Amino acid sequence: MLKATDLRKGKVIKIDGKLVRITDFQHITPGNWRGIVQIKYKDIITGTGSQKRIRPEDKFEDVYLDQRKMQYLYKQGDKYVFMDMETYEQPELIEDVVGDASNYLKENDECTILFYEGSVVSLELPPNVTLTIEYTEPGVKGDTVQNVTKPAKLETGLEIKVPNHINIGDRVKVDTRTGDFVERDNS
């Protein structure tokens, strides 16, 4: 069991029977009052965020997640097939587990799959992925006074805003946490 004062950003614990990852942690000791701990957390399975004020002496169950590197192979119906890089097992994940990560997955991409007590609970992508622009309107020449963006459709079906100079066929880096354009990939 962990005391509230031992919690740190990134730690996985159980709150109200749910697996959550701490996204922000503050131990506040105002003047003559008793200290409080303010945490922000995200449900690992649903991805919903919340916050809570707790007493420093409150205790939480420490959770250990098994992390395995996997390679995305293909989608079959509503299931995503991955391959464990060490054992070559091929687990199938349902769309609910993959969630929004499907917007960034292409065949042969590597990611980390988190297991809790033998069951898949979440999929983690790298911070940035490189995807190819499938469609975007041509840029208007001379429209460079401001930071002008235009919509673009990527190879996975995700639509993002890109700068005016990006064209069809260009490879771009996309932030998997926000879905924002990062930069053009020149490799």
N, C-alpha and C. Protein backbone atom coordinates (compact mmCIF):
# COMPACT_ATOMS: atom_id res chain seq x y z
N MET A 1 0.84 -1.19 0.00
CA MET A 1 0.00 0.00 0.00
C MET A 1 0.88 1.25 0.00
N LEU A 2 0.47 2.23 -0.76
CA LEU A 2 1.19 3.50 -0.85
C LEU A 2 0.45 4.59 -0.10
N LYS A 3 1.18 5.40 0.66
CA LYS A 3 0.56 6.57 1.26
C LYS A 3 0.42 7.63 0.18
N ALA A 4 -0.52 8.54 0.37
CA ALA A 4 -0.77 9.59 -0.61
C ALA A 4 0.47 10.43 -0.88
N THR A 5 1.30 10.64 0.14
CA THR A 5 2.50 11.45 -0.04
C THR A 5 3.57 10.73 -0.86
N ASP A 6 3.43 9.41 -1.06
CA ASP A 6 4.38 8.65 -1.87
C ASP A 6 3.99 8.59 -3.34
N LEU A 7 2.82 9.11 -3.69
CA LEU A 7 2.38 9.10 -5.08
C LEU A 7 3.25 10.05 -5.89
N ARG A 8 3.45 9.73 -7.15
CA ARG A 8 4.21 10.57 -8.07
C ARG A 8 3.56 10.53 -9.44
N LYS A 9 3.88 11.53 -10.25
CA LYS A 9 3.37 11.59 -11.61
C LYS A 9 3.80 10.34 -12.38
N GLY A 10 2.86 9.72 -13.09
CA GLY A 10 3.14 8.52 -13.86
C GLY A 10 2.86 7.22 -13.13
N LYS A 11 2.66 7.27 -11.81
CA LYS A 11 2.40 6.07 -11.00
C LYS A 11 1.01 5.53 -11.31
N VAL A 12 0.86 4.22 -11.33
CA VAL A 12 -0.44 3.59 -11.56
C VAL A 12 -0.94 3.04 -10.23
N ILE A 13 -2.18 3.43 -9.87
CA ILE A 13 -2.79 2.97 -8.62
C ILE A 13 -4.25 2.60 -8.89
N LYS A 14 -4.91 2.09 -7.85
CA LYS A 14 -6.35 1.81 -7.93
C LYS A 14 -7.08 2.84 -7.09
N ILE A 15 -8.07 3.51 -7.71
CA ILE A 15 -8.95 4.43 -7.00
C ILE A 15 -10.37 3.98 -7.29
N ASP A 16 -11.13 3.71 -6.25
CA ASP A 16 -12.52 3.25 -6.39
C ASP A 16 -12.62 2.03 -7.31
N GLY A 17 -11.64 1.13 -7.23
CA GLY A 17 -11.66 -0.09 -8.02
C GLY A 17 -11.22 0.07 -9.47
N LYS A 18 -10.81 1.29 -9.86
CA LYS A 18 -10.40 1.54 -11.25
C LYS A 18 -8.89 1.76 -11.31
N LEU A 19 -8.29 1.28 -12.40
CA LEU A 19 -6.87 1.52 -12.62
C LEU A 19 -6.69 2.93 -13.18
N VAL A 20 -5.88 3.74 -12.51
CA VAL A 20 -5.65 5.11 -12.95
C VAL A 20 -4.16 5.42 -12.94
N ARG A 21 -3.76 6.34 -13.84
CA ARG A 21 -2.38 6.82 -13.89
C ARG A 21 -2.37 8.27 -13.41
N ILE A 22 -1.51 8.59 -12.45
CA ILE A 22 -1.40 9.94 -11.91
C ILE A 22 -0.79 10.84 -12.99
N THR A 23 -1.48 11.94 -13.33
CA THR A 23 -0.96 12.88 -14.33
C THR A 23 -0.41 14.15 -13.69
N ASP A 24 -0.84 14.45 -12.45
CA ASP A 24 -0.31 15.62 -11.74
C ASP A 24 -0.44 15.36 -10.24
N PHE A 25 0.53 15.85 -9.49
CA PHE A 25 0.58 15.60 -8.05
C PHE A 25 1.05 16.86 -7.34
N GLN A 26 0.32 17.27 -6.29
CA GLN A 26 0.74 18.41 -5.47
C GLN A 26 0.48 18.09 -4.01
N HIS A 27 1.50 18.26 -3.19
CA HIS A 27 1.35 18.13 -1.74
C HIS A 27 1.31 19.56 -1.20
N ILE A 28 0.15 19.96 -0.69
CA ILE A 28 -0.06 21.34 -0.25
C ILE A 28 -0.14 21.37 1.27
N THR A 29 0.65 22.25 1.89
CA THR A 29 0.60 22.43 3.35
C THR A 29 0.34 23.90 3.64
N PRO A 30 -0.92 24.31 3.68
CA PRO A 30 -1.24 25.72 3.90
C PRO A 30 -1.13 26.13 5.38
N GLY A 31 -0.27 27.08 5.66
CA GLY A 31 -0.13 27.68 6.99
C GLY A 31 -0.30 26.74 8.16
N ASN A 32 -1.28 27.02 9.01
CA ASN A 32 -1.51 26.24 10.23
C ASN A 32 -2.39 25.01 9.99
N TRP A 33 -2.88 24.83 8.79
CA TRP A 33 -3.81 23.73 8.51
C TRP A 33 -3.07 22.43 8.24
N ARG A 34 -3.85 21.36 8.25
CA ARG A 34 -3.29 20.06 7.88
C ARG A 34 -3.01 20.04 6.38
N GLY A 35 -2.00 19.29 6.02
CA GLY A 35 -1.66 19.18 4.60
C GLY A 35 -2.70 18.39 3.82
N ILE A 36 -2.75 18.65 2.53
CA ILE A 36 -3.62 17.89 1.63
C ILE A 36 -2.81 17.52 0.40
N VAL A 37 -3.25 16.49 -0.26
CA VAL A 37 -2.62 16.07 -1.51
C VAL A 37 -3.67 16.21 -2.60
N GLN A 38 -3.31 16.92 -3.64
CA GLN A 38 -4.20 17.10 -4.79
C GLN A 38 -3.61 16.30 -5.95
N ILE A 39 -4.41 15.38 -6.51
CA ILE A 39 -3.93 14.59 -7.64
C ILE A 39 -4.89 14.73 -8.81
N LYS A 40 -4.32 14.71 -10.00
CA LYS A 40 -5.10 14.58 -11.22
C LYS A 40 -4.72 13.23 -11.80
N TYR A 41 -5.70 12.53 -12.33
CA TYR A 41 -5.43 11.19 -12.84
C TYR A 41 -6.29 10.89 -14.04
N LYS A 42 -5.87 9.86 -14.78
CA LYS A 42 -6.58 9.43 -15.97
C LYS A 42 -6.85 7.94 -15.87
N ASP A 43 -8.10 7.56 -16.09
CA ASP A 43 -8.48 6.15 -16.09
C ASP A 43 -7.75 5.45 -17.24
N ILE A 44 -7.03 4.39 -16.94
CA ILE A 44 -6.23 3.71 -17.97
C ILE A 44 -7.10 3.07 -19.03
N ILE A 45 -8.24 2.55 -18.66
CA ILE A 45 -9.08 1.83 -19.61
C ILE A 45 -9.93 2.78 -20.45
N THR A 46 -10.60 3.74 -19.82
CA THR A 46 -11.49 4.63 -20.56
C THR A 46 -10.81 5.90 -21.04
N GLY A 47 -9.71 6.30 -20.39
CA GLY A 47 -9.01 7.52 -20.78
C GLY A 47 -9.60 8.79 -20.20
N THR A 48 -10.65 8.68 -19.38
CA THR A 48 -11.26 9.87 -18.81
C THR A 48 -10.42 10.40 -17.65
N GLY A 49 -10.33 11.71 -17.58
CA GLY A 49 -9.53 12.35 -16.54
C GLY A 49 -10.39 12.83 -15.39
N SER A 50 -9.78 12.98 -14.23
CA SER A 50 -10.47 13.47 -13.05
C SER A 50 -9.43 13.98 -12.07
N GLN A 51 -9.90 14.60 -11.00
CA GLN A 51 -8.99 15.04 -9.96
C GLN A 51 -9.61 14.79 -8.60
N LYS A 52 -8.76 14.77 -7.57
CA LYS A 52 -9.24 14.42 -6.25
C LYS A 52 -8.32 15.04 -5.21
N ARG A 53 -8.91 15.49 -4.10
CA ARG A 53 -8.15 15.94 -2.94
C ARG A 53 -8.22 14.85 -1.90
N ILE A 54 -7.06 14.50 -1.36
CA ILE A 54 -7.00 13.41 -0.40
C ILE A 54 -6.12 13.81 0.78
N ARG A 55 -6.25 13.07 1.87
CA ARG A 55 -5.41 13.32 3.04
C ARG A 55 -4.06 12.64 2.84
N PRO A 56 -2.99 13.21 3.38
CA PRO A 56 -1.66 12.61 3.21
C PRO A 56 -1.56 11.19 3.76
N GLU A 57 -2.37 10.86 4.77
CA GLU A 57 -2.28 9.51 5.35
C GLU A 57 -3.13 8.48 4.62
N ASP A 58 -3.95 8.90 3.64
CA ASP A 58 -4.74 7.94 2.86
C ASP A 58 -3.81 6.96 2.14
N LYS A 59 -4.29 5.72 1.99
CA LYS A 59 -3.46 4.68 1.36
C LYS A 59 -4.14 4.16 0.10
N PHE A 60 -3.30 3.80 -0.87
CA PHE A 60 -3.78 3.30 -2.16
C PHE A 60 -3.02 2.04 -2.53
N GLU A 61 -3.71 1.18 -3.28
CA GLU A 61 -3.08 -0.05 -3.75
C GLU A 61 -2.14 0.26 -4.91
N ASP A 62 -0.88 -0.13 -4.76
CA ASP A 62 0.12 0.04 -5.81
C ASP A 62 -0.12 -1.02 -6.88
N VAL A 63 -0.15 -0.63 -8.12
CA VAL A 63 -0.45 -1.55 -9.21
C VAL A 63 0.77 -1.67 -10.12
N TYR A 64 1.11 -2.89 -10.44
CA TYR A 64 2.21 -3.14 -11.36
C TYR A 64 1.64 -3.65 -12.68
N LEU A 65 1.95 -2.95 -13.75
CA LEU A 65 1.50 -3.35 -15.07
C LEU A 65 2.65 -4.00 -15.82
N ASP A 66 2.34 -5.08 -16.49
CA ASP A 66 3.32 -5.76 -17.33
C ASP A 66 3.32 -5.06 -18.68
N GLN A 67 4.48 -4.60 -19.13
CA GLN A 67 4.59 -3.91 -20.41
C GLN A 67 5.28 -4.82 -21.41
N ARG A 68 4.67 -4.94 -22.59
CA ARG A 68 5.29 -5.75 -23.64
C ARG A 68 5.33 -4.97 -24.94
N LYS A 69 6.49 -5.03 -25.60
CA LYS A 69 6.63 -4.41 -26.92
C LYS A 69 5.91 -5.30 -27.92
N MET A 70 5.05 -4.67 -28.71
CA MET A 70 4.30 -5.40 -29.72
C MET A 70 4.41 -4.68 -31.06
N GLN A 71 4.18 -5.45 -32.11
CA GLN A 71 4.14 -4.90 -33.45
C GLN A 71 2.72 -5.06 -33.99
N TYR A 72 2.17 -3.97 -34.52
CA TYR A 72 0.82 -4.03 -35.10
C TYR A 72 0.92 -4.71 -36.45
N LEU A 73 0.12 -5.76 -36.66
CA LEU A 73 0.16 -6.50 -37.92
C LEU A 73 -0.95 -6.07 -38.88
N TYR A 74 -2.22 -6.21 -38.46
CA TYR A 74 -3.33 -5.88 -39.35
C TYR A 74 -4.63 -5.81 -38.55
N LYS A 75 -5.66 -5.29 -39.22
CA LYS A 75 -7.00 -5.23 -38.62
C LYS A 75 -7.87 -6.28 -39.30
N GLN A 76 -8.58 -7.06 -38.48
CA GLN A 76 -9.46 -8.10 -39.01
C GLN A 76 -10.84 -7.89 -38.40
N GLY A 77 -11.77 -7.35 -39.17
CA GLY A 77 -13.09 -7.02 -38.65
C GLY A 77 -12.98 -5.90 -37.63
N ASP A 78 -13.43 -6.16 -36.40
CA ASP A 78 -13.33 -5.13 -35.35
C ASP A 78 -12.18 -5.44 -34.39
N LYS A 79 -11.26 -6.32 -34.80
CA LYS A 79 -10.13 -6.68 -33.95
C LYS A 79 -8.81 -6.26 -34.60
N TYR A 80 -7.89 -5.86 -33.74
CA TYR A 80 -6.55 -5.47 -34.17
C TYR A 80 -5.58 -6.57 -33.75
N VAL A 81 -4.79 -7.06 -34.69
CA VAL A 81 -3.88 -8.17 -34.41
C VAL A 81 -2.47 -7.61 -34.23
N PHE A 82 -1.85 -7.98 -33.11
CA PHE A 82 -0.49 -7.56 -32.78
C PHE A 82 0.38 -8.79 -32.64
N MET A 83 1.71 -8.58 -32.66
CA MET A 83 2.63 -9.68 -32.44
C MET A 83 3.62 -9.29 -31.35
N ASP A 84 3.74 -10.16 -30.34
CA ASP A 84 4.72 -9.96 -29.28
C ASP A 84 6.11 -10.12 -29.89
N MET A 85 6.99 -9.13 -29.69
CA MET A 85 8.31 -9.12 -30.31
C MET A 85 9.24 -10.20 -29.75
N GLU A 86 8.93 -10.74 -28.57
CA GLU A 86 9.79 -11.75 -27.96
C GLU A 86 9.26 -13.17 -28.15
N THR A 87 7.96 -13.36 -27.92
CA THR A 87 7.40 -14.72 -27.96
C THR A 87 6.70 -15.04 -29.28
N TYR A 88 6.48 -14.04 -30.11
CA TYR A 88 5.79 -14.18 -31.40
C TYR A 88 4.33 -14.59 -31.25
N GLU A 89 3.77 -14.45 -30.03
CA GLU A 89 2.33 -14.66 -29.85
C GLU A 89 1.60 -13.54 -30.59
N GLN A 90 0.35 -13.81 -31.00
CA GLN A 90 -0.41 -12.81 -31.74
C GLN A 90 -1.74 -12.53 -31.04
N PRO A 91 -1.73 -11.68 -30.01
CA PRO A 91 -2.99 -11.34 -29.35
C PRO A 91 -3.85 -10.43 -30.24
N GLU A 92 -5.16 -10.56 -30.08
CA GLU A 92 -6.10 -9.70 -30.79
C GLU A 92 -6.73 -8.75 -29.78
N LEU A 93 -6.73 -7.46 -30.10
CA LEU A 93 -7.33 -6.46 -29.23
C LEU A 93 -8.60 -5.93 -29.88
N ILE A 94 -9.64 -5.73 -29.07
CA ILE A 94 -10.88 -5.18 -29.60
C ILE A 94 -10.77 -3.66 -29.70
N GLU A 95 -11.67 -3.06 -30.47
CA GLU A 95 -11.62 -1.61 -30.71
C GLU A 95 -11.70 -0.80 -29.43
N ASP A 96 -12.44 -1.28 -28.42
CA ASP A 96 -12.55 -0.53 -27.17
C ASP A 96 -11.21 -0.36 -26.48
N VAL A 97 -10.35 -1.37 -26.54
CA VAL A 97 -9.03 -1.29 -25.91
C VAL A 97 -8.11 -0.40 -26.73
N VAL A 98 -8.16 -0.53 -28.05
CA VAL A 98 -7.28 0.27 -28.92
C VAL A 98 -7.70 1.73 -28.89
N GLY A 99 -9.01 1.99 -28.93
CA GLY A 99 -9.53 3.36 -28.83
C GLY A 99 -9.00 4.29 -29.91
N ASP A 100 -8.65 5.51 -29.51
CA ASP A 100 -8.19 6.53 -30.45
C ASP A 100 -6.81 6.22 -31.03
N ALA A 101 -6.11 5.27 -30.44
CA ALA A 101 -4.79 4.90 -30.96
C ALA A 101 -4.90 4.36 -32.39
N SER A 102 -6.09 3.89 -32.78
CA SER A 102 -6.26 3.37 -34.14
C SER A 102 -6.01 4.44 -35.19
N ASN A 103 -6.16 5.72 -34.81
CA ASN A 103 -5.89 6.82 -35.75
C ASN A 103 -4.42 6.97 -36.08
N TYR A 104 -3.56 6.34 -35.30
CA TYR A 104 -2.11 6.50 -35.49
C TYR A 104 -1.41 5.20 -35.84
N LEU A 105 -2.14 4.09 -35.88
CA LEU A 105 -1.54 2.78 -36.14
C LEU A 105 -1.50 2.47 -37.62
N LYS A 106 -0.33 2.07 -38.10
CA LYS A 106 -0.24 1.51 -39.43
C LYS A 106 0.54 0.20 -39.33
N GLU A 107 0.41 -0.64 -40.32
CA GLU A 107 1.01 -1.97 -40.25
C GLU A 107 2.51 -1.88 -39.97
N ASN A 108 2.98 -2.80 -39.12
CA ASN A 108 4.38 -2.94 -38.71
C ASN A 108 4.86 -1.88 -37.73
N ASP A 109 3.99 -1.01 -37.25
CA ASP A 109 4.37 -0.04 -36.21
C ASP A 109 4.54 -0.76 -34.88
N GLU A 110 5.48 -0.27 -34.06
CA GLU A 110 5.69 -0.83 -32.73
C GLU A 110 5.00 0.03 -31.69
N CYS A 111 4.48 -0.62 -30.66
CA CYS A 111 3.85 0.09 -29.55
C CYS A 111 4.02 -0.77 -28.29
N THR A 112 3.56 -0.24 -27.18
CA THR A 112 3.65 -0.96 -25.91
C THR A 112 2.23 -1.31 -25.46
N ILE A 113 2.02 -2.56 -25.12
CA ILE A 113 0.71 -2.99 -24.63
C ILE A 113 0.85 -3.30 -23.14
N LEU A 114 -0.07 -2.75 -22.34
CA LEU A 114 -0.03 -2.91 -20.89
C LEU A 114 -1.00 -4.01 -20.46
N PHE A 115 -0.51 -4.91 -19.61
CA PHE A 115 -1.30 -6.01 -19.09
C PHE A 115 -1.42 -5.87 -17.58
N TYR A 116 -2.60 -6.19 -17.04
CA TYR A 116 -2.81 -6.23 -15.60
C TYR A 116 -3.44 -7.57 -15.27
N GLU A 117 -2.75 -8.36 -14.48
CA GLU A 117 -3.20 -9.70 -14.10
C GLU A 117 -3.56 -10.54 -15.33
N GLY A 118 -2.73 -10.46 -16.37
CA GLY A 118 -2.90 -11.27 -17.57
C GLY A 118 -3.86 -10.72 -18.60
N SER A 119 -4.58 -9.64 -18.29
CA SER A 119 -5.53 -9.06 -19.24
C SER A 119 -4.99 -7.75 -19.80
N VAL A 120 -5.25 -7.52 -21.08
CA VAL A 120 -4.83 -6.27 -21.71
C VAL A 120 -5.68 -5.14 -21.17
N VAL A 121 -5.03 -4.06 -20.72
CA VAL A 121 -5.78 -2.92 -20.22
C VAL A 121 -5.58 -1.67 -21.07
N SER A 122 -4.47 -1.58 -21.77
CA SER A 122 -4.22 -0.34 -22.51
C SER A 122 -3.13 -0.54 -23.55
N LEU A 123 -3.10 0.40 -24.48
CA LEU A 123 -2.09 0.41 -25.53
C LEU A 123 -1.42 1.77 -25.49
N GLU A 124 -0.11 1.80 -25.48
CA GLU A 124 0.62 3.07 -25.46
C GLU A 124 1.41 3.23 -26.74
N LEU A 125 1.25 4.40 -27.35
CA LEU A 125 1.97 4.72 -28.57
C LEU A 125 3.19 5.57 -28.24
N PRO A 126 4.16 5.64 -29.16
CA PRO A 126 5.25 6.60 -28.95
C PRO A 126 4.68 8.02 -29.00
N PRO A 127 5.40 9.02 -28.48
CA PRO A 127 4.86 10.39 -28.46
C PRO A 127 4.54 10.94 -29.86
N ASN A 128 5.34 10.57 -30.85
CA ASN A 128 5.11 11.03 -32.23
C ASN A 128 5.15 9.84 -33.18
N VAL A 129 4.31 9.90 -34.22
CA VAL A 129 4.36 8.91 -35.28
C VAL A 129 4.45 9.64 -36.62
N THR A 130 5.02 8.96 -37.61
CA THR A 130 5.15 9.54 -38.94
C THR A 130 4.10 8.92 -39.84
N LEU A 131 3.29 9.77 -40.47
CA LEU A 131 2.22 9.32 -41.35
C LEU A 131 2.29 10.08 -42.67
N THR A 132 1.69 9.51 -43.71
CA THR A 132 1.71 10.11 -45.04
C THR A 132 0.39 10.84 -45.31
N ILE A 133 0.49 12.01 -45.93
CA ILE A 133 -0.70 12.79 -46.31
C ILE A 133 -1.34 12.13 -47.51
N GLU A 134 -2.61 11.73 -47.39
CA GLU A 134 -3.33 11.13 -48.51
C GLU A 134 -4.06 12.19 -49.34
N TYR A 135 -4.61 13.19 -48.66
CA TYR A 135 -5.30 14.24 -49.39
C TYR A 135 -5.24 15.55 -48.63
N THR A 136 -4.99 16.62 -49.36
CA THR A 136 -5.09 17.98 -48.84
C THR A 136 -5.24 18.92 -50.02
N GLU A 137 -5.85 20.05 -49.79
CA GLU A 137 -6.00 21.05 -50.85
C GLU A 137 -4.63 21.64 -51.17
N PRO A 138 -4.42 22.05 -52.42
CA PRO A 138 -3.14 22.71 -52.73
C PRO A 138 -3.03 24.03 -51.98
N GLY A 139 -1.81 24.38 -51.58
CA GLY A 139 -1.59 25.64 -50.87
C GLY A 139 -1.70 26.82 -51.82
N VAL A 140 -2.15 27.95 -51.30
CA VAL A 140 -2.27 29.17 -52.09
C VAL A 140 -0.94 29.91 -52.00
N LYS A 141 -0.31 30.15 -53.14
CA LYS A 141 0.99 30.80 -53.15
C LYS A 141 0.86 32.23 -52.66
N GLY A 142 1.79 32.65 -51.83
CA GLY A 142 1.79 34.01 -51.32
C GLY A 142 0.99 34.19 -50.04
N ASP A 143 0.30 33.16 -49.60
CA ASP A 143 -0.51 33.26 -48.38
C ASP A 143 0.35 32.87 -47.18
N THR A 144 1.40 33.66 -46.93
CA THR A 144 2.33 33.32 -45.85
C THR A 144 2.42 34.41 -44.80
N VAL A 145 1.50 35.36 -44.82
CA VAL A 145 1.54 36.45 -43.85
C VAL A 145 1.30 35.92 -42.44
N GLN A 146 0.36 35.01 -42.31
CA GLN A 146 0.05 34.44 -41.01
C GLN A 146 0.33 32.94 -41.03
N ASN A 147 0.23 32.34 -39.87
CA ASN A 147 0.42 30.90 -39.78
C ASN A 147 -0.85 30.22 -40.29
N VAL A 148 -0.93 30.02 -41.60
CA VAL A 148 -2.13 29.49 -42.24
C VAL A 148 -2.08 27.96 -42.23
N THR A 149 -3.19 27.34 -41.81
CA THR A 149 -3.28 25.88 -41.84
C THR A 149 -4.44 25.46 -42.71
N LYS A 150 -4.39 24.21 -43.13
CA LYS A 150 -5.46 23.64 -43.95
C LYS A 150 -5.70 22.21 -43.49
N PRO A 151 -6.88 21.66 -43.74
CA PRO A 151 -7.15 20.28 -43.33
C PRO A 151 -6.40 19.29 -44.24
N ALA A 152 -5.98 18.17 -43.65
CA ALA A 152 -5.32 17.12 -44.42
C ALA A 152 -5.77 15.77 -43.88
N LYS A 153 -5.97 14.83 -44.81
CA LYS A 153 -6.36 13.47 -44.42
C LYS A 153 -5.12 12.58 -44.51
N LEU A 154 -4.85 11.85 -43.43
CA LEU A 154 -3.67 10.98 -43.36
C LEU A 154 -4.01 9.56 -43.80
N GLU A 155 -2.99 8.75 -43.98
CA GLU A 155 -3.17 7.38 -44.47
C GLU A 155 -4.02 6.51 -43.55
N THR A 156 -4.13 6.87 -42.28
CA THR A 156 -4.95 6.09 -41.34
C THR A 156 -6.39 6.58 -41.29
N GLY A 157 -6.70 7.67 -42.01
CA GLY A 157 -8.04 8.24 -41.99
C GLY A 157 -8.18 9.42 -41.06
N LEU A 158 -7.17 9.67 -40.23
CA LEU A 158 -7.18 10.80 -39.31
C LEU A 158 -7.09 12.11 -40.09
N GLU A 159 -7.86 13.11 -39.66
CA GLU A 159 -7.78 14.43 -40.28
C GLU A 159 -7.15 15.39 -39.29
N ILE A 160 -6.13 16.12 -39.75
CA ILE A 160 -5.44 17.10 -38.92
C ILE A 160 -5.28 18.40 -39.69
N LYS A 161 -4.85 19.44 -39.00
CA LYS A 161 -4.52 20.72 -39.64
C LYS A 161 -3.02 20.74 -39.89
N VAL A 162 -2.63 21.10 -41.12
CA VAL A 162 -1.21 21.17 -41.47
C VAL A 162 -0.91 22.55 -42.06
N PRO A 163 0.36 22.96 -42.04
CA PRO A 163 0.72 24.24 -42.66
C PRO A 163 0.45 24.23 -44.16
N ASN A 164 0.36 25.40 -44.73
CA ASN A 164 -0.01 25.59 -46.13
C ASN A 164 0.98 24.93 -47.10
N HIS A 165 2.25 24.78 -46.73
CA HIS A 165 3.26 24.25 -47.66
C HIS A 165 3.29 22.72 -47.74
N ILE A 166 2.48 22.03 -46.96
CA ILE A 166 2.43 20.56 -46.98
C ILE A 166 1.55 20.10 -48.14
N ASN A 167 2.03 19.07 -48.87
CA ASN A 167 1.32 18.57 -50.05
C ASN A 167 0.99 17.09 -49.92
N ILE A 168 0.18 16.59 -50.85
CA ILE A 168 -0.16 15.16 -50.90
C ILE A 168 1.13 14.36 -51.07
N GLY A 169 1.26 13.26 -50.31
CA GLY A 169 2.43 12.41 -50.40
C GLY A 169 3.52 12.76 -49.40
N ASP A 170 3.46 13.94 -48.80
CA ASP A 170 4.45 14.32 -47.79
C ASP A 170 4.27 13.46 -46.54
N ARG A 171 5.38 13.19 -45.87
CA ARG A 171 5.34 12.46 -44.60
C ARG A 171 5.47 13.49 -43.49
N VAL A 172 4.56 13.38 -42.49
CA VAL A 172 4.55 14.35 -41.39
C VAL A 172 4.56 13.62 -40.05
N LYS A 173 5.16 14.27 -39.06
CA LYS A 173 5.12 13.75 -37.69
C LYS A 173 3.89 14.32 -37.00
N VAL A 174 3.17 13.44 -36.30
CA VAL A 174 1.95 13.83 -35.60
C VAL A 174 2.10 13.45 -34.12
N ASP A 175 1.72 14.36 -33.23
CA ASP A 175 1.74 14.11 -31.79
C ASP A 175 0.57 13.19 -31.45
N THR A 176 0.85 12.01 -30.89
CA THR A 176 -0.21 11.03 -30.61
C THR A 176 -1.05 11.41 -29.40
N ARG A 177 -0.57 12.33 -28.57
CA ARG A 177 -1.34 12.73 -27.39
C ARG A 177 -2.38 13.78 -27.74
N THR A 178 -2.06 14.67 -28.70
CA THR A 178 -2.96 15.77 -29.03
C THR A 178 -3.54 15.68 -30.43
N GLY A 179 -2.90 14.92 -31.32
CA GLY A 179 -3.35 14.84 -32.70
C GLY A 179 -2.91 16.02 -33.53
N ASP A 180 -1.92 16.76 -33.06
CA ASP A 180 -1.45 17.96 -33.76
C ASP A 180 -0.27 17.64 -34.66
N PHE A 181 -0.14 18.42 -35.75
CA PHE A 181 1.01 18.38 -36.64
C PHE A 181 2.24 18.83 -35.86
N VAL A 182 3.35 18.11 -36.00
CA VAL A 182 4.60 18.49 -35.32
C VAL A 182 5.57 19.08 -36.33
N GLU A 183 5.89 18.31 -37.38
CA GLU A 183 6.82 18.79 -38.41
C GLU A 183 6.75 17.88 -39.62
N ARG A 184 7.33 18.36 -40.72
CA ARG A 184 7.45 17.53 -41.91
C ARG A 184 8.61 16.57 -41.68
N ASP A 185 8.44 15.32 -42.08
CA ASP A 185 9.51 14.32 -41.92
C ASP A 185 10.27 14.23 -43.23
N ASN A 186 11.54 14.59 -43.20
CA ASN A 186 12.34 14.61 -44.42
C ASN A 186 13.17 13.34 -44.62
N SER A 187 12.97 12.34 -43.78
CA SER A 187 13.78 11.12 -43.92
C SER A 187 13.23 10.19 -44.97
